[in-house]
């Protein structure tokens, strides 16, 4: 960030400086982190749901641009329709999942059945692929994480790391018995 800010032309105008800083920070963030793309649940979210949402959003924009009673009514109607479509699709999807789980139970596939129940109950839980280095800073790069784990196990198994002071605990135990 600092290198890019130095390479940008500096001006006396505060607004131009702010624009430069904002551009540099967003460019670097996009390069390093990337953009988060929202992914819908494709199992039940289909084109019909997308069309209903697009229609609702268009009616909302129309209502905001020109706030009339008819535009408000159209927007309220499109919201109800969109919500009804989504609920119906999700309910059908849920029924299919439950009937599939019932089939698993009837066939005696207990392991698959309970795994499916667990997935339904818990929902999506993202896996964290980060850890902390020795200084407590969070590491996100896969190579750095692997190096940190290698360092950790090297310390543990080869005795390179700090060993806990076990003498203090032995003294307190022996001191209590006297």
C-alpha atoms as a PDB file:
ATOM      1  CA  UNK A   1       0.000   0.000   0.000  1.00  0.00           C
ATOM      2  CA  UNK A   2       2.783   2.389   0.948  1.00  0.00           C
ATOM      3  CA  UNK A   3       4.640   1.757  -2.315  1.00  0.00           C
ATOM      4  CA  UNK A   4       1.562   2.421  -4.398  1.00  0.00           C
ATOM      5  CA  UNK A   5       0.711   5.543  -2.429  1.00  0.00           C
ATOM      6  CA  UNK A   6       4.225   6.872  -3.031  1.00  0.00           C
ATOM      7  CA  UNK A   7       3.912   6.181  -6.756  1.00  0.00           C
ATOM      8  CA  UNK A   8       0.642   8.155  -7.000  1.00  0.00           C
ATOM      9  CA  UNK A   9       0.873  11.864  -7.689  1.00  0.00           C
ATOM     10  CA  UNK A  10       0.224  13.934  -4.593  1.00  0.00           C
ATOM     11  CA  UNK A  11      -2.029  16.944  -4.842  1.00  0.00           C
ATOM     12  CA  UNK A  12      -3.010  19.752  -2.529  1.00  0.00           C
ATOM     13  CA  UNK A  13      -6.699  18.894  -2.765  1.00  0.00           C
ATOM     14  CA  UNK A  14      -7.890  16.755   0.144  1.00  0.00           C
ATOM     15  CA  UNK A  15     -10.630  15.120  -1.951  1.00  0.00           C
ATOM     16  CA  UNK A  16      -8.114  14.002  -4.597  1.00  0.00           C
ATOM     17  CA  UNK A  17      -5.833  12.592  -1.896  1.00  0.00           C
ATOM     18  CA  UNK A  18      -8.731  10.702  -0.346  1.00  0.00           C
ATOM     19  CA  UNK A  19      -9.707   9.290  -3.770  1.00  0.00           C
ATOM     20  CA  UNK A  20      -6.105   8.140  -4.332  1.00  0.00           C
ATOM     21  CA  UNK A  21      -5.924   6.455  -0.915  1.00  0.00           C
ATOM     22  CA  UNK A  22      -9.295   4.770  -1.395  1.00  0.00           C
ATOM     23  CA  UNK A  23      -8.344   3.483  -4.873  1.00  0.00           C
ATOM     24  CA  UNK A  24      -5.013   2.097  -3.668  1.00  0.00           C
ATOM     25  CA  UNK A  25      -6.513   0.372  -0.630  1.00  0.00           C
ATOM     26  CA  UNK A  26      -9.332  -1.212  -2.652  1.00  0.00           C
ATOM     27  CA  UNK A  27      -6.928  -2.340  -5.408  1.00  0.00           C
ATOM     28  CA  UNK A  28      -4.576  -3.974  -2.902  1.00  0.00           C
ATOM     29  CA  UNK A  29      -7.473  -5.548  -0.999  1.00  0.00           C
ATOM     30  CA  UNK A  30      -8.918  -7.012  -4.218  1.00  0.00           C
ATOM     31  CA  UNK A  31      -5.518  -8.416  -5.185  1.00  0.00           C
ATOM     32  CA  UNK A  32      -4.735  -9.893  -1.766  1.00  0.00           C
ATOM     33  CA  UNK A  33      -8.154 -10.984  -0.526  1.00  0.00           C
ATOM     34  CA  UNK A  34     -10.348 -11.010  -3.622  1.00  0.00           C
ATOM     35  CA  UNK A  35     -14.049 -10.325  -3.781  1.00  0.00           C
ATOM     36  CA  UNK A  36     -16.620 -12.382  -1.927  1.00  0.00           C
ATOM     37  CA  UNK A  37     -19.181 -13.764  -4.317  1.00  0.00           C
ATOM     38  CA  UNK A  38     -22.582 -14.525  -2.866  1.00  0.00           C
ATOM     39  CA  UNK A  39     -23.624 -18.014  -3.850  1.00  0.00           C
ATOM     40  CA  UNK A  40     -27.267 -18.912  -3.504  1.00  0.00           C
ATOM     41  CA  UNK A  41     -28.363 -22.354  -2.400  1.00  0.00           C
ATOM     42  CA  UNK A  42     -28.631 -23.850  -5.868  1.00  0.00           C
ATOM     43  CA  UNK A  43     -30.558 -26.841  -4.579  1.00  0.00           C
ATOM     44  CA  UNK A  44     -33.783 -24.871  -4.355  1.00  0.00           C
ATOM     45  CA  UNK A  45     -32.989 -21.390  -5.715  1.00  0.00           C
ATOM     46  CA  UNK A  46     -33.758 -21.411  -9.442  1.00  0.00           C
ATOM     47  CA  UNK A  47     -34.570 -19.018 -12.291  1.00  0.00           C
ATOM     48  CA  UNK A  48     -38.142 -18.559 -11.108  1.00  0.00           C
ATOM     49  CA  UNK A  49     -36.860 -17.283  -7.754  1.00  0.00           C
ATOM     50  CA  UNK A  50     -34.368 -15.007  -9.509  1.00  0.00           C
ATOM     51  CA  UNK A  51     -37.051 -13.548 -11.806  1.00  0.00           C
ATOM     52  CA  UNK A  52     -39.344 -12.891  -8.825  1.00  0.00           C
ATOM     53  CA  UNK A  53     -36.535 -11.134  -6.927  1.00  0.00           C
ATOM     54  CA  UNK A  54     -35.595  -9.061  -9.980  1.00  0.00           C
ATOM     55  CA  UNK A  55     -39.249  -8.020 -10.453  1.00  0.00           C
ATOM     56  CA  UNK A  56     -39.535  -7.107  -6.769  1.00  0.00           C
ATOM     57  CA  UNK A  57     -36.335  -5.037  -6.949  1.00  0.00           C
ATOM     58  CA  UNK A  58     -37.517  -3.275 -10.117  1.00  0.00           C
ATOM     59  CA  UNK A  59     -40.858  -2.446  -8.464  1.00  0.00           C
ATOM     60  CA  UNK A  60     -38.970  -1.133  -5.439  1.00  0.00           C
ATOM     61  CA  UNK A  61     -36.783   1.120  -7.595  1.00  0.00           C
ATOM     62  CA  UNK A  62     -39.893   2.364  -9.400  1.00  0.00           C
ATOM     63  CA  UNK A  63     -41.590   3.076  -6.053  1.00  0.00           C
ATOM     64  CA  UNK A  64     -38.550   4.973  -4.749  1.00  0.00           C
ATOM     65  CA  UNK A  65     -38.302   7.009  -7.955  1.00  0.00           C
ATOM     66  CA  UNK A  66     -41.995   7.907  -7.922  1.00  0.00           C
ATOM     67  CA  UNK A  67     -43.836   7.312  -4.666  1.00  0.00           C
ATOM     68  CA  UNK A  68     -47.464   6.792  -5.662  1.00  0.00           C
ATOM     69  CA  UNK A  69     -50.139   4.574  -4.193  1.00  0.00           C
ATOM     70  CA  UNK A  70     -50.184   2.288  -7.239  1.00  0.00           C
ATOM     71  CA  UNK A  71     -46.374   1.880  -7.148  1.00  0.00           C
ATOM     72  CA  UNK A  72     -46.548   1.045  -3.437  1.00  0.00           C
ATOM     73  CA  UNK A  73     -49.263  -1.546  -4.087  1.00  0.00           C
ATOM     74  CA  UNK A  74     -47.287  -3.102  -6.961  1.00  0.00           C
ATOM     75  CA  UNK A  75     -44.208  -3.304  -4.760  1.00  0.00           C
ATOM     76  CA  UNK A  76     -46.144  -4.859  -1.868  1.00  0.00           C
ATOM     77  CA  UNK A  77     -47.718  -7.392  -4.250  1.00  0.00           C
ATOM     78  CA  UNK A  78     -44.372  -8.315  -5.822  1.00  0.00           C
ATOM     79  CA  UNK A  79     -42.878  -8.742  -2.323  1.00  0.00           C
ATOM     80  CA  UNK A  80     -45.670 -11.134  -1.358  1.00  0.00           C
ATOM     81  CA  UNK A  81     -45.340 -13.099  -4.600  1.00  0.00           C
ATOM     82  CA  UNK A  82     -41.549 -13.330  -4.302  1.00  0.00           C
ATOM     83  CA  UNK A  83     -41.750 -14.457  -0.692  1.00  0.00           C
ATOM     84  CA  UNK A  84     -44.419 -17.045  -1.521  1.00  0.00           C
ATOM     85  CA  UNK A  85     -42.329 -18.470  -4.384  1.00  0.00           C
ATOM     86  CA  UNK A  86     -39.220 -18.740  -2.198  1.00  0.00           C
ATOM     87  CA  UNK A  87     -41.124 -20.409   0.652  1.00  0.00           C
ATOM     88  CA  UNK A  88     -42.770 -22.872  -1.756  1.00  0.00           C
ATOM     89  CA  UNK A  89     -39.447 -23.811  -3.399  1.00  0.00           C
ATOM     90  CA  UNK A  90     -37.694 -24.219  -0.070  1.00  0.00           C
ATOM     91  CA  UNK A  91     -40.570 -26.293   1.339  1.00  0.00           C
ATOM     92  CA  UNK A  92     -40.459 -28.639  -1.694  1.00  0.00           C
ATOM     93  CA  UNK A  93     -36.695 -28.966  -1.334  1.00  0.00           C
ATOM     94  CA  UNK A  94     -37.039 -29.718   2.386  1.00  0.00           C
ATOM     95  CA  UNK A  95     -39.688 -32.390   1.713  1.00  0.00           C
ATOM     96  CA  UNK A  96     -37.409 -34.072  -0.849  1.00  0.00           C
ATOM     97  CA  UNK A  97     -34.518 -34.052   1.635  1.00  0.00           C
ATOM     98  CA  UNK A  98     -36.663 -35.501   4.428  1.00  0.00           C
ATOM     99  CA  UNK A  99     -38.119 -38.214   2.179  1.00  0.00           C
ATOM    100  CA  UNK A 100     -34.585 -39.139   1.092  1.00  0.00           C
ATOM    101  CA  UNK A 101     -33.589 -39.390   4.744  1.00  0.00           C
ATOM    102  CA  UNK A 102     -36.617 -41.596   5.455  1.00  0.00           C
ATOM    103  CA  UNK A 103     -35.546 -43.923   2.631  1.00  0.00           C
ATOM    104  CA  UNK A 104     -32.058 -44.131   4.165  1.00  0.00           C
ATOM    105  CA  UNK A 105     -33.559 -45.045   7.538  1.00  0.00           C
ATOM    106  CA  UNK A 106     -35.832 -47.713   6.010  1.00  0.00           C
ATOM    107  CA  UNK A 107     -32.905 -49.292   4.161  1.00  0.00           C
ATOM    108  CA  UNK A 108     -30.916 -49.467   7.373  1.00  0.00           C
ATOM    109  CA  UNK A 109     -28.297 -46.942   6.249  1.00  0.00           C
ATOM    110  CA  UNK A 110     -28.043 -45.509   9.741  1.00  0.00           C
ATOM    111  CA  UNK A 111     -24.695 -43.796   9.267  1.00  0.00           C
ATOM    112  CA  UNK A 112     -25.841 -41.902   6.153  1.00  0.00           C
ATOM    113  CA  UNK A 113     -29.153 -41.116   7.838  1.00  0.00           C
ATOM    114  CA  UNK A 114     -27.581 -39.546  10.914  1.00  0.00           C
ATOM    115  CA  UNK A 115     -25.026 -37.669   8.808  1.00  0.00           C
ATOM    116  CA  UNK A 116     -27.886 -36.174   6.781  1.00  0.00           C
ATOM    117  CA  UNK A 117     -29.753 -35.270   9.979  1.00  0.00           C
ATOM    118  CA  UNK A 118     -26.632 -33.587  11.327  1.00  0.00           C
ATOM    119  CA  UNK A 119     -26.150 -31.590   8.106  1.00  0.00           C
ATOM    120  CA  UNK A 120     -29.784 -30.465   8.157  1.00  0.00           C
ATOM    121  CA  UNK A 121     -29.676 -29.536  11.831  1.00  0.00           C
ATOM    122  CA  UNK A 122     -26.361 -27.687  11.836  1.00  0.00           C
ATOM    123  CA  UNK A 123     -26.500 -26.099   8.405  1.00  0.00           C
ATOM    124  CA  UNK A 124     -23.420 -24.691   6.714  1.00  0.00           C
ATOM    125  CA  UNK A 125     -20.371 -24.161   8.899  1.00  0.00           C
ATOM    126  CA  UNK A 126     -17.338 -22.736   7.094  1.00  0.00           C
ATOM    127  CA  UNK A 127     -14.002 -24.330   7.853  1.00  0.00           C
ATOM    128  CA  UNK A 128     -11.407 -21.973   9.235  1.00  0.00           C
ATOM    129  CA  UNK A 129      -8.074 -22.370   7.540  1.00  0.00           C
ATOM    130  CA  UNK A 130      -6.110 -19.919   9.641  1.00  0.00           C
ATOM    131  CA  UNK A 131      -3.787 -20.186  12.586  1.00  0.00           C
ATOM    132  CA  UNK A 132      -1.552 -17.937  14.666  1.00  0.00           C
ATOM    133  CA  UNK A 133       2.200 -17.595  14.465  1.00  0.00           C
ATOM    134  CA  UNK A 134       4.477 -17.452  17.526  1.00  0.00           C
ATOM    135  CA  UNK A 135       3.771 -13.739  17.971  1.00  0.00           C
ATOM    136  CA  UNK A 136       0.012 -14.286  17.954  1.00  0.00           C
ATOM    137  CA  UNK A 137      -0.570 -12.813  14.488  1.00  0.00           C
ATOM    138  CA  UNK A 138      -3.128 -14.583  12.301  1.00  0.00           C
ATOM    139  CA  UNK A 139      -1.733 -16.423   9.278  1.00  0.00           C
ATOM    140  CA  UNK A 140      -3.998 -17.078   6.288  1.00  0.00           C
ATOM    141  CA  UNK A 141      -1.635 -18.263   3.554  1.00  0.00           C
ATOM    142  CA  UNK A 142      -1.599 -22.041   3.135  1.00  0.00           C
ATOM    143  CA  UNK A 143       2.192 -22.207   2.754  1.00  0.00           C
ATOM    144  CA  UNK A 144       2.763 -20.165   5.918  1.00  0.00           C
ATOM    145  CA  UNK A 145       0.253 -22.295   7.832  1.00  0.00           C
ATOM    146  CA  UNK A 146       2.024 -25.494   6.779  1.00  0.00           C
ATOM    147  CA  UNK A 147       5.393 -24.004   7.767  1.00  0.00           C
ATOM    148  CA  UNK A 148       3.981 -22.996  11.169  1.00  0.00           C
ATOM    149  CA  UNK A 149       2.640 -26.525  11.782  1.00  0.00           C
ATOM    150  CA  UNK A 150       5.999 -28.003  10.778  1.00  0.00           C
ATOM    151  CA  UNK A 151       7.718 -25.609  13.184  1.00  0.00           C
ATOM    152  CA  UNK A 152       5.265 -26.478  15.967  1.00  0.00           C
ATOM    153  CA  UNK A 153       5.691 -30.239  15.626  1.00  0.00           C
ATOM    154  CA  UNK A 154       9.449 -29.860  15.320  1.00  0.00           C
ATOM    155  CA  UNK A 155       9.457 -28.018  18.645  1.00  0.00           C
ATOM    156  CA  UNK A 156       7.162 -30.545  20.290  1.00  0.00           C
ATOM    157  CA  UNK A 157       8.860 -33.720  19.095  1.00  0.00           C
ATOM    158  CA  UNK A 158      12.475 -32.548  18.993  1.00  0.00           C
ATOM    159  CA  UNK A 159      12.333 -30.667  22.275  1.00  0.00           C
ATOM    160  CA  UNK A 160      13.375 -27.345  20.725  1.00  0.00           C
ATOM    161  CA  UNK A 161      10.540 -25.360  22.257  1.00  0.00           C
ATOM    162  CA  UNK A 162      10.075 -24.155  25.791  1.00  0.00           C
ATOM    163  CA  UNK A 163       9.438 -26.924  28.274  1.00  0.00           C
ATOM    164  CA  UNK A 164       6.975 -26.285  31.060  1.00  0.00           C
ATOM    165  CA  UNK A 165       8.438 -25.824  34.519  1.00  0.00           C
ATOM    166  CA  UNK A 166       7.411 -29.051  36.221  1.00  0.00           C
ATOM    167  CA  UNK A 167       9.658 -28.490  39.253  1.00  0.00           C
ATOM    168  CA  UNK A 168       7.367 -25.798  40.609  1.00  0.00           C
ATOM    169  CA  UNK A 169       4.388 -28.125  40.630  1.00  0.00           C
ATOM    170  CA  UNK A 170       6.433 -30.934  42.263  1.00  0.00           C
ATOM    171  CA  UNK A 171       7.669 -28.567  44.979  1.00  0.00           C
ATOM    172  CA  UNK A 172       4.154 -27.426  45.780  1.00  0.00           C
ATOM    173  CA  UNK A 173       3.002 -31.052  46.025  1.00  0.00           C
ATOM    174  CA  UNK A 174       5.936 -32.049  48.240  1.00  0.00           C
ATOM    175  CA  UNK A 175       5.585 -28.875  50.310  1.00  0.00           C
ATOM    176  CA  UNK A 176       1.933 -29.635  51.032  1.00  0.00           C
ATOM    177  CA  UNK A 177       2.817 -33.061  52.447  1.00  0.00           C
ATOM    178  CA  UNK A 178       5.263 -31.743  55.055  1.00  0.00           C
END
